[in-house]
PDB file of N, CA and C in Angstrom:
ATOM      1  N   UNK A   1       0.882  -1.255   0.104  1.00  0.00           N
ATOM      2  CA  UNK A   1       0.003   0.034  -0.035  1.00  0.00           C
ATOM      3  C   UNK A   1       0.852   1.264  -0.007  1.00  0.00           C
ATOM      4  N   UNK A   2       0.482   2.281  -0.699  1.00  0.00           N
ATOM      5  CA  UNK A   2       1.201   3.459  -0.858  1.00  0.00           C
ATOM      6  C   UNK A   2       1.063   4.372   0.453  1.00  0.00           C
ATOM      7  N   UNK A   3       2.102   4.789   0.828  1.00  0.00           N
ATOM      8  CA  UNK A   3       2.181   5.751   1.829  1.00  0.00           C
ATOM      9  C   UNK A   3       1.642   7.120   1.448  1.00  0.00           C
ATOM     10  N   UNK A   4       0.886   7.711   2.253  1.00  0.00           N
ATOM     11  CA  UNK A   4       0.267   9.173   1.745  1.00  0.00           C
ATOM     12  C   UNK A   4       1.474  10.232   2.131  1.00  0.00           C
ATOM     13  N   UNK A   5       1.509  11.246   1.289  1.00  0.00           N
ATOM     14  CA  UNK A   5       2.638  12.165   1.431  1.00  0.00           C
ATOM     15  C   UNK A   5       2.090  13.007   2.686  1.00  0.00           C
ATOM     16  N   UNK A   6       3.292  13.517   3.544  1.00  0.00           N
ATOM     17  CA  UNK A   6       2.903  14.363   4.504  1.00  0.00           C
ATOM     18  C   UNK A   6       2.183  15.458   4.054  1.00  0.00           C
ATOM     19  N   UNK A   7       1.185  16.082   4.944  1.00  0.00           N
ATOM     20  CA  UNK A   7       0.551  17.180   4.529  1.00  0.00           C
ATOM     21  C   UNK A   7       1.200  18.557   4.155  1.00  0.00           C
ATOM     22  N   UNK A   8       2.475  18.649   4.619  1.00  0.00           N
ATOM     23  CA  UNK A   8       3.330  19.645   4.481  1.00  0.00           C
ATOM     24  C   UNK A   8       3.721  19.883   3.142  1.00  0.00           C
ATOM     25  N   UNK A   9       3.596  18.766   2.333  1.00  0.00           N
ATOM     26  CA  UNK A   9       4.022  18.917   0.860  1.00  0.00           C
ATOM     27  C   UNK A   9       2.931  19.367   0.169  1.00  0.00           C
ATOM     28  N   UNK A  10       3.402  20.234  -0.885  1.00  0.00           N
ATOM     29  CA  UNK A  10       2.498  20.853  -1.854  1.00  0.00           C
ATOM     30  C   UNK A  10       2.026  19.856  -2.816  1.00  0.00           C
ATOM     31  N   UNK A  11       0.841  20.156  -3.380  1.00  0.00           N
ATOM     32  CA  UNK A  11       0.430  19.239  -4.657  1.00  0.00           C
ATOM     33  C   UNK A  11       1.469  19.098  -5.884  1.00  0.00           C
ATOM     34  N   UNK A  12       2.080  20.379  -5.896  1.00  0.00           N
ATOM     35  CA  UNK A  12       3.098  20.343  -6.970  1.00  0.00           C
ATOM     36  C   UNK A  12       4.280  19.352  -6.758  1.00  0.00           C
ATOM     37  N   UNK A  13       4.814  19.360  -5.432  1.00  0.00           N
ATOM     38  CA  UNK A  13       5.593  18.299  -4.918  1.00  0.00           C
ATOM     39  C   UNK A  13       5.368  16.941  -5.206  1.00  0.00           C
ATOM     40  N   UNK A  14       4.109  16.637  -4.698  1.00  0.00           N
ATOM     41  CA  UNK A  14       3.462  15.291  -4.876  1.00  0.00           C
ATOM     42  C   UNK A  14       3.459  14.983  -6.365  1.00  0.00           C
ATOM     43  N   UNK A  15       3.163  15.721  -7.207  1.00  0.00           N
ATOM     44  CA  UNK A  15       3.026  15.465  -8.624  1.00  0.00           C
ATOM     45  C   UNK A  15       4.267  15.278  -9.334  1.00  0.00           C
ATOM     46  N   UNK A  16       5.165  15.993  -8.779  1.00  0.00           N
ATOM     47  CA  UNK A  16       6.616  15.985  -9.388  1.00  0.00           C
ATOM     48  C   UNK A  16       7.323  14.601  -8.951  1.00  0.00           C
ATOM     49  N   UNK A  17       7.144  14.214  -7.712  1.00  0.00           N
ATOM     50  CA  UNK A  17       7.635  13.056  -7.087  1.00  0.00           C
ATOM     51  C   UNK A  17       6.954  12.037  -7.824  1.00  0.00           C
ATOM     52  N   UNK A  18       5.626  11.870  -8.196  1.00  0.00           N
ATOM     53  CA  UNK A  18       5.147  10.761  -8.841  1.00  0.00           C
ATOM     54  C   UNK A  18       5.534  10.659 -10.250  1.00  0.00           C
ATOM     55  N   UNK A  19       5.840  11.851 -10.901  1.00  0.00           N
ATOM     56  CA  UNK A  19       6.250  11.664 -12.296  1.00  0.00           C
ATOM     57  C   UNK A  19       7.792  11.200 -12.154  1.00  0.00           C
ATOM     58  N   UNK A  20       8.452  11.631 -11.265  1.00  0.00           N
ATOM     59  CA  UNK A  20       9.981  11.133 -11.165  1.00  0.00           C
ATOM     60  C   UNK A  20       9.969   9.508 -10.955  1.00  0.00           C
ATOM     61  N   UNK A  21       9.188   9.163 -10.038  1.00  0.00           N
ATOM     62  CA  UNK A  21       9.018   7.761  -9.907  1.00  0.00           C
ATOM     63  C   UNK A  21       8.471   6.998 -11.229  1.00  0.00           C
ATOM     64  N   UNK A  22       7.574   7.542 -12.067  1.00  0.00           N
ATOM     65  CA  UNK A  22       7.304   6.947 -13.296  1.00  0.00           C
ATOM     66  C   UNK A  22       8.297   6.869 -14.202  1.00  0.00           C
ATOM     67  N   UNK A  23       9.151   8.044 -14.240  1.00  0.00           N
ATOM     68  CA  UNK A  23      10.429   7.883 -15.056  1.00  0.00           C
ATOM     69  C   UNK A  23      11.282   6.956 -14.628  1.00  0.00           C
ATOM     70  N   UNK A  24      11.525   6.885 -13.186  1.00  0.00           N
ATOM     71  CA  UNK A  24      12.468   5.919 -12.820  1.00  0.00           C
ATOM     72  C   UNK A  24      12.007   4.359 -13.177  1.00  0.00           C
ATOM     73  N   UNK A  25      10.824   3.965 -12.909  1.00  0.00           N
ATOM     74  CA  UNK A  25      10.336   2.655 -13.269  1.00  0.00           C
ATOM     75  C   UNK A  25      10.391   2.493 -14.807  1.00  0.00           C
ATOM     76  N   UNK A  26      10.289   3.458 -15.691  1.00  0.00           N
ATOM     77  CA  UNK A  26      10.315   3.566 -16.979  1.00  0.00           C
ATOM     78  C   UNK A  26      11.877   3.452 -17.695  1.00  0.00           C
ATOM     79  N   UNK A  27      12.896   3.451 -16.565  1.00  0.00           N
ATOM     80  CA  UNK A  27      14.143   3.426 -17.110  1.00  0.00           C
ATOM     81  C   UNK A  27      14.765   4.799 -17.601  1.00  0.00           C
ATOM     82  N   UNK A  28      13.913   5.779 -17.351  1.00  0.00           N
ATOM     83  CA  UNK A  28      14.374   7.142 -17.756  1.00  0.00           C
ATOM     84  C   UNK A  28      14.947   7.839 -16.600  1.00  0.00           C
ATOM     85  N   UNK A  29      16.289   7.456 -16.186  1.00  0.00           N
ATOM     86  CA  UNK A  29      16.781   7.944 -15.057  1.00  0.00           C
ATOM     87  C   UNK A  29      17.220   9.409 -14.849  1.00  0.00           C
ATOM     88  N   UNK A  30      17.617   9.901 -16.103  1.00  0.00           N
ATOM     89  CA  UNK A  30      17.933  11.294 -16.189  1.00  0.00           C
ATOM     90  C   UNK A  30      16.754  12.241 -15.926  1.00  0.00           C
ATOM     91  N   UNK A  31      15.576  11.805 -16.677  1.00  0.00           N
ATOM     92  CA  UNK A  31      14.392  12.517 -16.507  1.00  0.00           C
ATOM     93  C   UNK A  31      13.817  12.447 -15.036  1.00  0.00           C
ATOM     94  N   UNK A  32      14.041  11.311 -14.288  1.00  0.00           N
ATOM     95  CA  UNK A  32      13.519  10.979 -12.971  1.00  0.00           C
ATOM     96  C   UNK A  32      14.175  12.005 -12.192  1.00  0.00           C
ATOM     97  N   UNK A  33      15.635  12.184 -12.211  1.00  0.00           N
ATOM     98  CA  UNK A  33      16.283  13.034 -11.445  1.00  0.00           C
ATOM     99  C   UNK A  33      16.079  14.467 -11.652  1.00  0.00           C
ATOM    100  N   UNK A  34      15.629  14.988 -12.936  1.00  0.00           N
ATOM    101  CA  UNK A  34      15.131  16.141 -13.231  1.00  0.00           C
ATOM    102  C   UNK A  34      13.949  16.570 -12.458  1.00  0.00           C
ATOM    103  N   UNK A  35      13.118  15.538 -12.286  1.00  0.00           N
ATOM    104  CA  UNK A  35      11.847  15.924 -11.561  1.00  0.00           C
ATOM    105  C   UNK A  35      12.123  16.085 -10.090  1.00  0.00           C
ATOM    106  N   UNK A  36      12.966  15.122  -9.537  1.00  0.00           N
ATOM    107  CA  UNK A  36      13.240  15.211  -7.967  1.00  0.00           C
ATOM    108  C   UNK A  36      14.100  16.538  -7.798  1.00  0.00           C
ATOM    109  N   UNK A  37      14.743  16.769  -8.748  1.00  0.00           N
ATOM    110  CA  UNK A  37      15.616  18.148  -8.437  1.00  0.00           C
ATOM    111  C   UNK A  37      14.740  19.275  -8.466  1.00  0.00           C
ATOM    112  N   UNK A  38      13.692  19.270  -9.177  1.00  0.00           N
ATOM    113  CA  UNK A  38      12.571  20.215  -9.149  1.00  0.00           C
ATOM    114  C   UNK A  38      11.973  20.523  -7.864  1.00  0.00           C
ATOM    115  N   UNK A  39      11.647  19.272  -7.147  1.00  0.00           N
ATOM    116  CA  UNK A  39      11.090  19.114  -6.002  1.00  0.00           C
ATOM    117  C   UNK A  39      11.864  19.720  -4.898  1.00  0.00           C
ATOM    118  N   UNK A  40      13.268  19.470  -4.852  1.00  0.00           N
ATOM    119  CA  UNK A  40      14.070  20.103  -3.704  1.00  0.00           C
ATOM    120  C   UNK A  40      14.384  21.604  -4.052  1.00  0.00           C
ATOM    121  N   UNK A  41      14.076  22.176  -5.269  1.00  0.00           N
ATOM    122  CA  UNK A  41      14.089  23.611  -5.417  1.00  0.00           C
ATOM    123  C   UNK A  41      12.829  24.215  -4.845  1.00  0.00           C
ATOM    124  N   UNK A  42      11.729  23.520  -4.851  1.00  0.00           N
ATOM    125  CA  UNK A  42      10.545  24.006  -4.095  1.00  0.00           C
ATOM    126  C   UNK A  42      10.684  23.973  -2.627  1.00  0.00           C
ATOM    127  N   UNK A  43      11.144  22.675  -2.265  1.00  0.00           N
ATOM    128  CA  UNK A  43      11.161  22.362  -0.715  1.00  0.00           C
ATOM    129  C   UNK A  43      12.416  21.658  -0.490  1.00  0.00           C
ATOM    130  N   UNK A  44      13.589  22.365  -0.041  1.00  0.00           N
ATOM    131  CA  UNK A  44      14.778  21.520   0.293  1.00  0.00           C
ATOM    132  C   UNK A  44      14.672  20.553   1.424  1.00  0.00           C
ATOM    133  N   UNK A  45      13.763  20.679   2.095  1.00  0.00           N
ATOM    134  CA  UNK A  45      13.589  19.669   3.258  1.00  0.00           C
ATOM    135  C   UNK A  45      12.492  18.441   2.837  1.00  0.00           C
ATOM    136  N   UNK A  46      12.331  18.113   1.421  1.00  0.00           N
ATOM    137  CA  UNK A  46      11.554  17.013   1.009  1.00  0.00           C
ATOM    138  C   UNK A  46      12.508  15.907   1.006  1.00  0.00           C
ATOM    139  N   UNK A  47      12.367  14.946   2.032  1.00  0.00           N
ATOM    140  CA  UNK A  47      13.197  13.877   2.232  1.00  0.00           C
ATOM    141  C   UNK A  47      12.944  12.681   1.196  1.00  0.00           C
ATOM    142  N   UNK A  48      11.653  12.757   0.729  1.00  0.00           N
ATOM    143  CA  UNK A  48      11.233  11.853  -0.324  1.00  0.00           C
ATOM    144  C   UNK A  48      12.042  12.030  -1.662  1.00  0.00           C
ATOM    145  N   UNK A  49      12.164  13.341  -1.970  1.00  0.00           N
ATOM    146  CA  UNK A  49      12.930  13.526  -3.104  1.00  0.00           C
ATOM    147  C   UNK A  49      14.212  13.136  -3.173  1.00  0.00           C
ATOM    148  N   UNK A  50      14.971  13.346  -2.051  1.00  0.00           N
ATOM    149  CA  UNK A  50      16.364  13.080  -1.875  1.00  0.00           C
ATOM    150  C   UNK A  50      16.542  11.492  -1.690  1.00  0.00           C
ATOM    151  N   UNK A  51      15.472  10.850  -1.245  1.00  0.00           N
ATOM    152  CA  UNK A  51      15.663   9.387  -1.226  1.00  0.00           C
ATOM    153  C   UNK A  51      15.358   8.732  -2.584  1.00  0.00           C
ATOM    154  N   UNK A  52      14.502   9.306  -3.325  1.00  0.00           N
ATOM    155  CA  UNK A  52      14.148   8.711  -4.581  1.00  0.00           C
ATOM    156  C   UNK A  52      15.488   8.994  -5.657  1.00  0.00           C
ATOM    157  N   UNK A  53      15.958  10.259  -5.378  1.00  0.00           N
ATOM    158  CA  UNK A  53      17.167  10.588  -6.165  1.00  0.00           C
ATOM    159  C   UNK A  53      18.364   9.415  -5.828  1.00  0.00           C
ATOM    160  N   UNK A  54      18.486   9.248  -4.572  1.00  0.00           N
ATOM    161  CA  UNK A  54      19.523   8.153  -4.116  1.00  0.00           C
ATOM    162  C   UNK A  54      19.076   6.835  -4.912  1.00  0.00           C
ATOM    163  N   UNK A  55      17.705   6.499  -4.964  1.00  0.00           N
ATOM    164  CA  UNK A  55      17.439   5.073  -5.680  1.00  0.00           C
ATOM    165  C   UNK A  55      17.921   5.177  -7.060  1.00  0.00           C
ATOM    166  N   UNK A  56      17.584   6.333  -7.716  1.00  0.00           N
ATOM    167  CA  UNK A  56      18.044   6.561  -9.246  1.00  0.00           C
ATOM    168  C   UNK A  56      19.479   6.382  -9.343  1.00  0.00           C
ATOM    169  N   UNK A  57      20.233   7.159  -8.613  1.00  0.00           N
ATOM    170  CA  UNK A  57      21.567   7.174  -8.719  1.00  0.00           C
ATOM    171  C   UNK A  57      22.173   5.832  -8.354  1.00  0.00           C
ATOM    172  N   UNK A  58      21.644   5.097  -7.492  1.00  0.00           N
ATOM    173  CA  UNK A  58      22.018   3.794  -7.150  1.00  0.00           C
ATOM    174  C   UNK A  58      21.719   2.818  -8.328  1.00  0.00           C
ATOM    175  N   UNK A  59      20.666   3.077  -8.988  1.00  0.00           N
ATOM    176  CA  UNK A  59      20.258   2.262 -10.196  1.00  0.00           C
ATOM    177  C   UNK A  59      21.388   2.463 -11.306  1.00  0.00           C
ATOM    178  N   UNK A  60      21.935   3.859 -11.403  1.00  0.00           N
ATOM    179  CA  UNK A  60      22.820   4.225 -12.504  1.00  0.00           C
ATOM    180  C   UNK A  60      24.240   3.890 -12.105  1.00  0.00           C
ATOM    181  N   UNK A  61      24.344   3.108 -11.054  1.00  0.00           N
ATOM    182  CA  UNK A  61      25.763   2.542 -10.541  1.00  0.00           C
ATOM    183  C   UNK A  61      26.555   4.002 -10.052  1.00  0.00           C
ATOM    184  N   UNK A  62      25.902   5.044  -9.743  1.00  0.00           N
ATOM    185  CA  UNK A  62      26.581   6.119  -9.085  1.00  0.00           C
ATOM    186  C   UNK A  62      26.543   5.979  -7.469  1.00  0.00           C
ATOM    187  N   UNK A  63      27.421   5.195  -7.088  1.00  0.00           N
ATOM    188  CA  UNK A  63      27.291   4.917  -5.622  1.00  0.00           C
ATOM    189  C   UNK A  63      27.690   6.377  -4.768  1.00  0.00           C
ATOM    190  N   UNK A  64      28.622   6.968  -5.193  1.00  0.00           N
ATOM    191  CA  UNK A  64      28.953   8.331  -4.424  1.00  0.00           C
ATOM    192  C   UNK A  64      27.824   9.318  -4.502  1.00  0.00           C
ATOM    193  N   UNK A  65      27.199   9.442  -5.540  1.00  0.00           N
ATOM    194  CA  UNK A  65      25.937  10.253  -5.636  1.00  0.00           C
ATOM    195  C   UNK A  65      24.749   9.693  -4.871  1.00  0.00           C
ATOM    196  N   UNK A  66      24.517   8.458  -4.822  1.00  0.00           N
ATOM    197  CA  UNK A  66      23.575   7.631  -4.037  1.00  0.00           C
ATOM    198  C   UNK A  66      23.670   7.900  -2.604  1.00  0.00           C
ATOM    199  N   UNK A  67      24.896   7.745  -2.242  1.00  0.00           N
ATOM    200  CA  UNK A  67      25.336   7.879  -0.900  1.00  0.00           C
ATOM    201  C   UNK A  67      24.971   9.429  -0.343  1.00  0.00           C
ATOM    202  N   UNK A  68      25.428  10.377  -1.192  1.00  0.00           N
ATOM    203  CA  UNK A  68      25.042  11.710  -0.733  1.00  0.00           C
ATOM    204  C   UNK A  68      23.624  11.872  -0.792  1.00  0.00           C
ATOM    205  N   UNK A  69      22.744  11.391  -1.399  1.00  0.00           N
ATOM    206  CA  UNK A  69      21.245  11.508  -1.509  1.00  0.00           C
ATOM    207  C   UNK A  69      20.777  10.827  -0.141  1.00  0.00           C
ATOM    208  N   UNK A  70      21.284   9.641   0.197  1.00  0.00           N
ATOM    209  CA  UNK A  70      20.757   9.067   1.237  1.00  0.00           C
ATOM    210  C   UNK A  70      21.096   9.761   2.507  1.00  0.00           C
ATOM    211  N   UNK A  71      22.412  10.168   2.502  1.00  0.00           N
ATOM    212  CA  UNK A  71      22.842  10.956   3.817  1.00  0.00           C
ATOM    213  C   UNK A  71      21.924  12.244   4.001  1.00  0.00           C
ATOM    214  N   UNK A  72      21.697  12.879   2.793  1.00  0.00           N
ATOM    215  CA  UNK A  72      20.665  14.105   2.949  1.00  0.00           C
ATOM    216  C   UNK A  72      19.199  13.682   3.458  1.00  0.00           C
ATOM    217  N   UNK A  73      18.952  12.481   3.067  1.00  0.00           N
ATOM    218  CA  UNK A  73      17.562  11.934   3.486  1.00  0.00           C
ATOM    219  C   UNK A  73      17.698  11.839   4.990  1.00  0.00           C
ATOM    220  N   UNK A  74      18.740  11.393   5.473  1.00  0.00           N
ATOM    221  CA  UNK A  74      18.804  10.939   6.851  1.00  0.00           C
ATOM    222  C   UNK A  74      18.974  12.462   7.716  1.00  0.00           C
ATOM    223  N   UNK A  75      19.673  13.422   7.030  1.00  0.00           N
ATOM    224  CA  UNK A  75      19.774  14.655   7.768  1.00  0.00           C
ATOM    225  C   UNK A  75      18.365  15.191   8.072  1.00  0.00           C
ATOM    226  N   UNK A  76      17.346  14.958   7.177  1.00  0.00           N
ATOM    227  CA  UNK A  76      16.189  15.444   7.411  1.00  0.00           C
ATOM    228  C   UNK A  76      15.180  14.374   8.174  1.00  0.00           C
ATOM    229  N   UNK A  77      15.224  13.233   7.974  1.00  0.00           N
ATOM    230  CA  UNK A  77      14.453  12.025   8.768  1.00  0.00           C
ATOM    231  C   UNK A  77      15.594  11.168   9.151  1.00  0.00           C
ATOM    232  N   UNK A  78      16.301  11.276  10.254  1.00  0.00           N
ATOM    233  CA  UNK A  78      17.247  10.499  10.885  1.00  0.00           C
ATOM    234  C   UNK A  78      16.905   9.016  10.844  1.00  0.00           C
ATOM    235  N   UNK A  79      15.674   8.679  11.132  1.00  0.00           N
ATOM    236  CA  UNK A  79      15.252   7.249  11.281  1.00  0.00           C
ATOM    237  C   UNK A  79      14.688   6.566  10.013  1.00  0.00           C
ATOM    238  N   UNK A  80      14.899   7.230   9.034  1.00  0.00           N
ATOM    239  CA  UNK A  80      14.241   6.690   7.652  1.00  0.00           C
ATOM    240  C   UNK A  80      15.062   5.300   7.238  1.00  0.00           C
ATOM    241  N   UNK A  81      14.287   4.376   7.760  1.00  0.00           N
ATOM    242  CA  UNK A  81      14.888   2.915   7.779  1.00  0.00           C
ATOM    243  C   UNK A  81      15.358   2.527   6.402  1.00  0.00           C
ATOM    244  N   UNK A  82      14.605   2.693   5.281  1.00  0.00           N
ATOM    245  CA  UNK A  82      15.029   2.273   3.994  1.00  0.00           C
ATOM    246  C   UNK A  82      16.248   3.040   3.457  1.00  0.00           C
ATOM    247  N   UNK A  83      16.463   4.333   3.879  1.00  0.00           N
ATOM    248  CA  UNK A  83      17.505   5.039   3.528  1.00  0.00           C
ATOM    249  C   UNK A  83      18.863   4.545   4.198  1.00  0.00           C
ATOM    250  N   UNK A  84      18.660   4.156   5.441  1.00  0.00           N
ATOM    251  CA  UNK A  84      19.697   3.604   6.372  1.00  0.00           C
ATOM    252  C   UNK A  84      20.083   2.163   5.670  1.00  0.00           C
ATOM    253  N   UNK A  85      19.245   1.433   5.332  1.00  0.00           N
ATOM    254  CA  UNK A  85      19.406   0.055   4.573  1.00  0.00           C
ATOM    255  C   UNK A  85      20.291   0.216   3.240  1.00  0.00           C
ATOM    256  N   UNK A  86      19.684   1.132   2.578  1.00  0.00           N
ATOM    257  CA  UNK A  86      20.440   1.414   1.311  1.00  0.00           C
ATOM    258  C   UNK A  86      21.981   1.996   1.530  1.00  0.00           C
ATOM    259  N   UNK A  87      22.039   3.085   2.496  1.00  0.00           N
ATOM    260  CA  UNK A  87      23.469   3.385   2.752  1.00  0.00           C
ATOM    261  C   UNK A  87      24.284   2.507   3.381  1.00  0.00           C
ATOM    262  N   UNK A  88      23.740   1.639   4.221  1.00  0.00           N
ATOM    263  CA  UNK A  88      24.521   0.536   4.711  1.00  0.00           C
ATOM    264  C   UNK A  88      25.020  -0.387   3.641  1.00  0.00           C
ATOM    265  N   UNK A  89      24.302  -0.785   2.631  1.00  0.00           N
ATOM    266  CA  UNK A  89      24.507  -1.509   1.583  1.00  0.00           C
ATOM    267  C   UNK A  89      25.700  -1.019   0.618  1.00  0.00           C
ATOM    268  N   UNK A  90      25.518   0.488   0.535  1.00  0.00           N
ATOM    269  CA  UNK A  90      26.578   1.037  -0.388  1.00  0.00           C
ATOM    270  C   UNK A  90      27.862   1.307   0.352  1.00  0.00           C
ATOM    271  N   UNK A  91      28.028   1.526   1.604  1.00  0.00           N
ATOM    272  CA  UNK A  91      29.225   1.655   2.634  1.00  0.00           C
ATOM    273  C   UNK A  91      29.824   0.195   2.713  1.00  0.00           C
ATOM    274  N   UNK A  92      29.127  -0.779   2.492  1.00  0.00           N
ATOM    275  CA  UNK A  92      29.694  -2.144   2.545  1.00  0.00           C
ATOM    276  C   UNK A  92      30.280  -2.577   1.158  1.00  0.00           C
ATOM    277  N   UNK A  93      30.061  -1.789   0.153  1.00  0.00           N
ATOM    278  CA  UNK A  93      30.718  -2.012  -1.142  1.00  0.00           C
ATOM    279  C   UNK A  93      32.232  -2.146  -1.044  1.00  0.00           C
TER     280      UNK A  93
END
């Protein structure tokens, strides 16, 4: 089941994240990153955008970039379990 976005996020942020996720699952990684970057320009505290950028960068084998995005996610939400899991996996490489 899909988690609802926090109420503090604008409709525009939610739409951009959904579009980014669509591009990601479609294998259009650069387009996905562009959408997530738009989100952080609107709201630099949107952990979901950073986390999703980490996922895309990890899929592109950009371990350094992915690590930075997961770390940024954890600055905003220190107990983000999935970001911790991905970061641990990357650090173990």
